[in-house]
Amino acid sequence: MRDSLRLIIILGVISAVAGGALALVNSFTEPLIAAYQAKAEANAYQQALPQADSFTSLPELVAEVKNNPATSDIEDIKAGFKNGVQVGWVLKVSTTGFSSDIVMLVGIDKDGKLGEAVILDQKETPGLGTKITEAEFIRQPAIKNAVPGEDLRLNKDNGKVQAVSGATISSRAVVRGINQVFSFYKNQTSN
């Protein structure tokens, strides 16, 4: 009995020390991780709309687009500026893929030209659905040269966009997100 109690106390002390060490390490690394994530997101915004040198959040527009079925997957909107003049927008869109939500940033300039679509987060099938993040899919001419008013669709759906082989649902999710950006653009420029 006495040996069992001693063993329990030793294990408890070891566990407490290990837990304290983990908490201490976490307290040092958490701010570093947050800073890295903020820098990565800032770089992604810059990649989505390269001509902009600064971005400003537009929360009032987010509330507005959430009530419109054509733009309801838009989670965040930032106006992009160059030398204080607005040059376009970057929209964070979250659409449902095959096995996860696909979160992406899509830039569009004031003339309706798409910037870049940057996939921020996805947990699609490795080797299939994850190919939506590759340049071969995201930068194909049917996407890069698309214009507002055009209904982007996959080849399988009588459109021009070549889906990733074996990842039709994931490909459709990306196309749906870009179409929502086009709907946002049309709403902004028609007012």
C-alpha atoms as a PDB file:
ATOM      1  CA  MET A   1       0.000   0.000   0.000  1.00  0.00           C
ATOM      2  CA  ARG A   2       2.769   2.364   0.960  1.00  0.00           C
ATOM      3  CA  ASP A   3       4.675   1.655  -2.292  1.00  0.00           C
ATOM      4  CA  SER A   4       1.528   2.331  -4.322  1.00  0.00           C
ATOM      5  CA  LEU A   5       1.021   5.679  -2.609  1.00  0.00           C
ATOM      6  CA  ARG A   6       4.664   6.599  -3.202  1.00  0.00           C
ATOM      7  CA  LEU A   7       4.352   5.663  -6.888  1.00  0.00           C
ATOM      8  CA  ILE A   8       1.164   7.730  -7.240  1.00  0.00           C
ATOM      9  CA  ILE A   9       2.843  10.773  -5.665  1.00  0.00           C
ATOM     10  CA  ILE A  10       5.931  10.453  -7.902  1.00  0.00           C
ATOM     11  CA  LEU A  11       3.768  10.104 -11.001  1.00  0.00           C
ATOM     12  CA  GLY A  12       1.685  13.095  -9.929  1.00  0.00           C
ATOM     13  CA  VAL A  13       4.778  15.271  -9.431  1.00  0.00           C
ATOM     14  CA  ILE A  14       6.218  14.209 -12.811  1.00  0.00           C
ATOM     15  CA  SER A  15       2.890  14.945 -14.512  1.00  0.00           C
ATOM     16  CA  ALA A  16       2.619  18.352 -12.849  1.00  0.00           C
ATOM     17  CA  VAL A  17       6.180  19.294 -13.854  1.00  0.00           C
ATOM     18  CA  ALA A  18       5.592  18.115 -17.453  1.00  0.00           C
ATOM     19  CA  GLY A  19       2.276  19.988 -17.639  1.00  0.00           C
ATOM     20  CA  GLY A  20       3.881  23.145 -16.254  1.00  0.00           C
ATOM     21  CA  ALA A  21       6.742  22.880 -18.753  1.00  0.00           C
ATOM     22  CA  LEU A  22       4.275  22.512 -21.630  1.00  0.00           C
ATOM     23  CA  ALA A  23       2.285  25.520 -20.422  1.00  0.00           C
ATOM     24  CA  LEU A  24       5.476  27.576 -20.139  1.00  0.00           C
ATOM     25  CA  VAL A  25       6.635  26.635 -23.643  1.00  0.00           C
ATOM     26  CA  ASN A  26       3.138  27.395 -24.994  1.00  0.00           C
ATOM     27  CA  SER A  27       3.162  30.846 -23.382  1.00  0.00           C
ATOM     28  CA  PHE A  28       6.389  31.651 -25.260  1.00  0.00           C
ATOM     29  CA  THR A  29       5.442  30.137 -28.619  1.00  0.00           C
ATOM     30  CA  GLU A  30       1.798  31.281 -28.831  1.00  0.00           C
ATOM     31  CA  PRO A  31       2.597  34.940 -29.658  1.00  0.00           C
ATOM     32  CA  LEU A  32       5.212  33.829 -32.200  1.00  0.00           C
ATOM     33  CA  ILE A  33       2.727  31.532 -33.913  1.00  0.00           C
ATOM     34  CA  ALA A  34       0.062  34.276 -33.959  1.00  0.00           C
ATOM     35  CA  ALA A  35       2.546  36.746 -35.482  1.00  0.00           C
ATOM     36  CA  TYR A  36       3.566  34.201 -38.126  1.00  0.00           C
ATOM     37  CA  GLN A  37      -0.079  33.514 -39.004  1.00  0.00           C
ATOM     38  CA  ALA A  38      -0.826  37.247 -39.272  1.00  0.00           C
ATOM     39  CA  LYS A  39       2.185  37.727 -41.571  1.00  0.00           C
ATOM     40  CA  ALA A  40       1.162  34.729 -43.713  1.00  0.00           C
ATOM     41  CA  GLU A  41      -2.377  36.121 -44.043  1.00  0.00           C
ATOM     42  CA  ALA A  42      -1.050  39.583 -44.958  1.00  0.00           C
ATOM     43  CA  ASN A  43       1.134  37.974 -47.635  1.00  0.00           C
ATOM     44  CA  ALA A  44      -1.892  36.045 -48.940  1.00  0.00           C
ATOM     45  CA  TYR A  45      -3.899  39.295 -49.259  1.00  0.00           C
ATOM     46  CA  GLN A  46      -0.980  40.829 -51.148  1.00  0.00           C
ATOM     47  CA  GLN A  47      -0.826  37.765 -53.417  1.00  0.00           C
ATOM     48  CA  ALA A  48      -4.583  37.953 -54.085  1.00  0.00           C
ATOM     49  CA  LEU A  49      -4.423  41.612 -55.187  1.00  0.00           C
ATOM     50  CA  PRO A  50      -0.763  42.357 -56.013  1.00  0.00           C
ATOM     51  CA  GLN A  51      -1.312  45.947 -57.169  1.00  0.00           C
ATOM     52  CA  ALA A  52      -2.515  46.993 -53.684  1.00  0.00           C
ATOM     53  CA  ASP A  53      -0.090  48.243 -51.048  1.00  0.00           C
ATOM     54  CA  SER A  54      -2.577  48.393 -48.142  1.00  0.00           C
ATOM     55  CA  PHE A  55      -5.897  46.866 -47.143  1.00  0.00           C
ATOM     56  CA  THR A  56      -8.855  48.050 -45.061  1.00  0.00           C
ATOM     57  CA  SER A  57     -11.571  45.785 -43.631  1.00  0.00           C
ATOM     58  CA  LEU A  58     -15.165  46.492 -44.661  1.00  0.00           C
ATOM     59  CA  PRO A  59     -17.331  44.819 -41.984  1.00  0.00           C
ATOM     60  CA  GLU A  60     -20.484  46.702 -43.063  1.00  0.00           C
ATOM     61  CA  LEU A  61     -20.249  45.073 -46.504  1.00  0.00           C
ATOM     62  CA  VAL A  62     -19.810  41.613 -44.967  1.00  0.00           C
ATOM     63  CA  ALA A  63     -23.110  42.005 -43.106  1.00  0.00           C
ATOM     64  CA  GLU A  64     -24.736  43.109 -46.357  1.00  0.00           C
ATOM     65  CA  VAL A  65     -23.486  40.195 -48.485  1.00  0.00           C
ATOM     66  CA  LYS A  66     -24.401  37.560 -45.896  1.00  0.00           C
ATOM     67  CA  ASN A  67     -28.095  38.261 -46.577  1.00  0.00           C
ATOM     68  CA  ASN A  68     -27.743  37.615 -50.311  1.00  0.00           C
ATOM     69  CA  PRO A  69     -27.777  33.934 -51.406  1.00  0.00           C
ATOM     70  CA  ALA A  70     -25.470  34.790 -54.335  1.00  0.00           C
ATOM     71  CA  THR A  71     -22.765  36.014 -51.911  1.00  0.00           C
ATOM     72  CA  SER A  72     -23.575  34.258 -48.620  1.00  0.00           C
ATOM     73  CA  ASP A  73     -20.273  32.316 -48.458  1.00  0.00           C
ATOM     74  CA  ILE A  74     -18.223  35.528 -48.271  1.00  0.00           C
ATOM     75  CA  GLU A  75     -16.729  35.822 -44.767  1.00  0.00           C
ATOM     76  CA  ASP A  76     -14.543  38.912 -45.021  1.00  0.00           C
ATOM     77  CA  ILE A  77     -13.990  41.794 -47.421  1.00  0.00           C
ATOM     78  CA  LYS A  78     -11.026  44.124 -47.579  1.00  0.00           C
ATOM     79  CA  ALA A  79     -10.618  47.049 -49.922  1.00  0.00           C
ATOM     80  CA  GLY A  80      -7.185  47.204 -51.523  1.00  0.00           C
ATOM     81  CA  PHE A  81      -5.479  50.571 -51.980  1.00  0.00           C
ATOM     82  CA  LYS A  82      -2.430  51.817 -53.856  1.00  0.00           C
ATOM     83  CA  ASN A  83      -1.136  55.207 -52.740  1.00  0.00           C
ATOM     84  CA  GLY A  84      -4.471  55.872 -51.018  1.00  0.00           C
ATOM     85  CA  VAL A  85      -6.619  55.112 -54.086  1.00  0.00           C
ATOM     86  CA  GLN A  86      -8.837  52.031 -54.068  1.00  0.00           C
ATOM     87  CA  VAL A  87      -7.738  49.525 -56.713  1.00  0.00           C
ATOM     88  CA  GLY A  88      -9.999  46.586 -55.822  1.00  0.00           C
ATOM     89  CA  TRP A  89     -11.121  44.140 -53.158  1.00  0.00           C
ATOM     90  CA  VAL A  90      -9.958  40.900 -51.597  1.00  0.00           C
ATOM     91  CA  LEU A  91     -12.720  38.608 -50.411  1.00  0.00           C
ATOM     92  CA  LYS A  92     -12.395  35.669 -48.049  1.00  0.00           C
ATOM     93  CA  VAL A  93     -14.814  32.986 -49.216  1.00  0.00           C
ATOM     94  CA  SER A  94     -15.593  29.674 -47.512  1.00  0.00           C
ATOM     95  CA  THR A  95     -17.365  27.084 -49.664  1.00  0.00           C
ATOM     96  CA  THR A  96     -18.122  23.441 -48.940  1.00  0.00           C
ATOM     97  CA  GLY A  97     -15.869  20.961 -50.699  1.00  0.00           C
ATOM     98  CA  PHE A  98     -15.894  17.169 -50.625  1.00  0.00           C
ATOM     99  CA  SER A  99     -14.595  16.636 -47.101  1.00  0.00           C
ATOM    100  CA  SER A 100     -14.111  20.119 -45.675  1.00  0.00           C
ATOM    101  CA  ASP A 101     -14.751  23.797 -46.120  1.00  0.00           C
ATOM    102  CA  ILE A 102     -12.420  25.410 -48.619  1.00  0.00           C
ATOM    103  CA  VAL A 103     -11.363  28.842 -47.395  1.00  0.00           C
ATOM    104  CA  MET A 104      -9.807  31.081 -50.009  1.00  0.00           C
ATOM    105  CA  LEU A 105      -8.945  34.672 -50.750  1.00  0.00           C
ATOM    106  CA  VAL A 106      -9.909  36.008 -54.162  1.00  0.00           C
ATOM    107  CA  GLY A 107      -8.795  39.396 -55.419  1.00  0.00           C
ATOM    108  CA  ILE A 108     -10.689  41.425 -57.995  1.00  0.00           C
ATOM    109  CA  ASP A 109      -9.694  44.863 -59.241  1.00  0.00           C
ATOM    110  CA  LYS A 110     -11.950  47.855 -59.941  1.00  0.00           C
ATOM    111  CA  ASP A 111     -12.161  46.835 -63.619  1.00  0.00           C
ATOM    112  CA  GLY A 112     -13.437  43.343 -62.762  1.00  0.00           C
ATOM    113  CA  LYS A 113     -10.199  41.515 -63.507  1.00  0.00           C
ATOM    114  CA  LEU A 114      -9.487  38.627 -61.170  1.00  0.00           C
ATOM    115  CA  GLY A 115      -6.303  38.837 -59.177  1.00  0.00           C
ATOM    116  CA  GLU A 116      -5.284  35.557 -57.641  1.00  0.00           C
ATOM    117  CA  ALA A 117      -7.267  32.896 -55.833  1.00  0.00           C
ATOM    118  CA  VAL A 118      -5.273  31.813 -52.776  1.00  0.00           C
ATOM    119  CA  ILE A 119      -6.443  28.720 -50.897  1.00  0.00           C
ATOM    120  CA  LEU A 120      -5.928  29.423 -47.181  1.00  0.00           C
ATOM    121  CA  ASP A 121      -7.377  26.254 -45.702  1.00  0.00           C
ATOM    122  CA  GLN A 122      -8.720  22.956 -46.974  1.00  0.00           C
ATOM    123  CA  LYS A 123      -8.729  19.378 -45.785  1.00  0.00           C
ATOM    124  CA  GLU A 124      -9.679  17.688 -49.024  1.00  0.00           C
ATOM    125  CA  THR A 125      -8.541  14.195 -50.004  1.00  0.00           C
ATOM    126  CA  PRO A 126      -4.721  14.160 -50.175  1.00  0.00           C
ATOM    127  CA  GLY A 127      -3.474  13.645 -53.716  1.00  0.00           C
ATOM    128  CA  LEU A 128      -6.868  14.400 -55.276  1.00  0.00           C
ATOM    129  CA  GLY A 129      -8.828  17.275 -53.764  1.00  0.00           C
ATOM    130  CA  THR A 130      -5.675  18.978 -52.532  1.00  0.00           C
ATOM    131  CA  LYS A 131      -4.723  19.597 -56.178  1.00  0.00           C
ATOM    132  CA  ILE A 132      -7.148  22.544 -56.178  1.00  0.00           C
ATOM    133  CA  THR A 133      -4.340  24.503 -54.518  1.00  0.00           C
ATOM    134  CA  GLU A 134      -1.957  23.909 -57.410  1.00  0.00           C
ATOM    135  CA  ALA A 135      -1.280  26.546 -60.058  1.00  0.00           C
ATOM    136  CA  GLU A 136      -2.308  24.166 -62.854  1.00  0.00           C
ATOM    137  CA  PHE A 137      -5.912  24.329 -61.624  1.00  0.00           C
ATOM    138  CA  ILE A 138      -6.209  27.756 -60.032  1.00  0.00           C
ATOM    139  CA  ARG A 139      -4.394  29.642 -62.820  1.00  0.00           C
ATOM    140  CA  GLN A 140      -5.947  27.936 -65.827  1.00  0.00           C
ATOM    141  CA  PRO A 141      -7.076  30.412 -68.505  1.00  0.00           C
ATOM    142  CA  ALA A 142     -10.782  29.693 -67.971  1.00  0.00           C
ATOM    143  CA  ILE A 143     -10.421  31.035 -64.415  1.00  0.00           C
ATOM    144  CA  LYS A 144      -7.737  33.710 -64.890  1.00  0.00           C
ATOM    145  CA  ASN A 145      -9.502  35.251 -67.895  1.00  0.00           C
ATOM    146  CA  ALA A 146     -13.035  35.029 -66.487  1.00  0.00           C
ATOM    147  CA  VAL A 147     -14.987  38.252 -66.193  1.00  0.00           C
ATOM    148  CA  PRO A 148     -17.891  39.364 -63.988  1.00  0.00           C
ATOM    149  CA  GLY A 149     -21.206  38.335 -65.481  1.00  0.00           C
ATOM    150  CA  GLU A 150     -19.720  35.110 -66.772  1.00  0.00           C
ATOM    151  CA  ASP A 151     -21.122  32.049 -65.018  1.00  0.00           C
ATOM    152  CA  LEU A 152     -18.031  29.964 -64.356  1.00  0.00           C
ATOM    153  CA  ARG A 153     -18.739  26.253 -64.553  1.00  0.00           C
ATOM    154  CA  LEU A 154     -16.758  23.050 -64.912  1.00  0.00           C
ATOM    155  CA  ASN A 155     -16.480  21.248 -68.251  1.00  0.00           C
ATOM    156  CA  LYS A 156     -18.669  18.526 -66.746  1.00  0.00           C
ATOM    157  CA  ASP A 157     -21.344  21.171 -66.182  1.00  0.00           C
ATOM    158  CA  ASN A 158     -21.124  22.585 -69.733  1.00  0.00           C
ATOM    159  CA  GLY A 159     -18.575  25.214 -68.741  1.00  0.00           C
ATOM    160  CA  LYS A 160     -14.959  26.046 -69.554  1.00  0.00           C
ATOM    161  CA  VAL A 161     -13.148  25.210 -66.303  1.00  0.00           C
ATOM    162  CA  GLN A 162     -11.216  21.939 -66.338  1.00  0.00           C
ATOM    163  CA  ALA A 163     -11.869  20.169 -63.020  1.00  0.00           C
ATOM    164  CA  VAL A 164      -9.131  18.393 -61.118  1.00  0.00           C
ATOM    165  CA  SER A 165      -9.428  14.747 -62.131  1.00  0.00           C
ATOM    166  CA  GLY A 166     -11.116  12.823 -59.317  1.00  0.00           C
ATOM    167  CA  ALA A 167     -11.962  16.005 -57.409  1.00  0.00           C
ATOM    168  CA  THR A 168     -15.057  17.380 -59.097  1.00  0.00           C
ATOM    169  CA  ILE A 169     -16.745  18.467 -55.858  1.00  0.00           C
ATOM    170  CA  SER A 170     -13.645  20.328 -54.650  1.00  0.00           C
ATOM    171  CA  SER A 171     -13.260  21.981 -58.069  1.00  0.00           C
ATOM    172  CA  ARG A 172     -16.907  23.055 -58.025  1.00  0.00           C
ATOM    173  CA  ALA A 173     -16.416  24.589 -54.573  1.00  0.00           C
ATOM    174  CA  VAL A 174     -13.584  26.804 -55.846  1.00  0.00           C
ATOM    175  CA  VAL A 175     -15.615  27.840 -58.905  1.00  0.00           C
ATOM    176  CA  ARG A 176     -18.632  28.594 -56.677  1.00  0.00           C
ATOM    177  CA  GLY A 177     -16.441  30.863 -54.527  1.00  0.00           C
ATOM    178  CA  ILE A 178     -15.167  32.765 -57.561  1.00  0.00           C
ATOM    179  CA  ASN A 179     -18.732  33.168 -58.845  1.00  0.00           C
ATOM    180  CA  GLN A 180     -19.659  34.692 -55.476  1.00  0.00           C
ATOM    181  CA  VAL A 181     -16.821  37.194 -55.881  1.00  0.00           C
ATOM    182  CA  PHE A 182     -18.222  38.089 -59.315  1.00  0.00           C
ATOM    183  CA  SER A 183     -21.699  38.567 -57.785  1.00  0.00           C
ATOM    184  CA  PHE A 184     -20.199  40.858 -55.140  1.00  0.00           C
ATOM    185  CA  TYR A 185     -18.409  42.857 -57.844  1.00  0.00           C
ATOM    186  CA  LYS A 186     -21.572  43.245 -59.916  1.00  0.00           C
ATOM    187  CA  ASN A 187     -23.479  44.461 -56.835  1.00  0.00           C
ATOM    188  CA  GLN A 188     -20.746  46.988 -55.987  1.00  0.00           C
ATOM    189  CA  THR A 189     -20.355  48.407 -59.463  1.00  0.00           C
ATOM    190  CA  SER A 190     -24.061  48.594 -60.308  1.00  0.00           C
ATOM    191  CA  ASN A 191     -24.779  50.965 -57.402  1.00  0.00           C
END
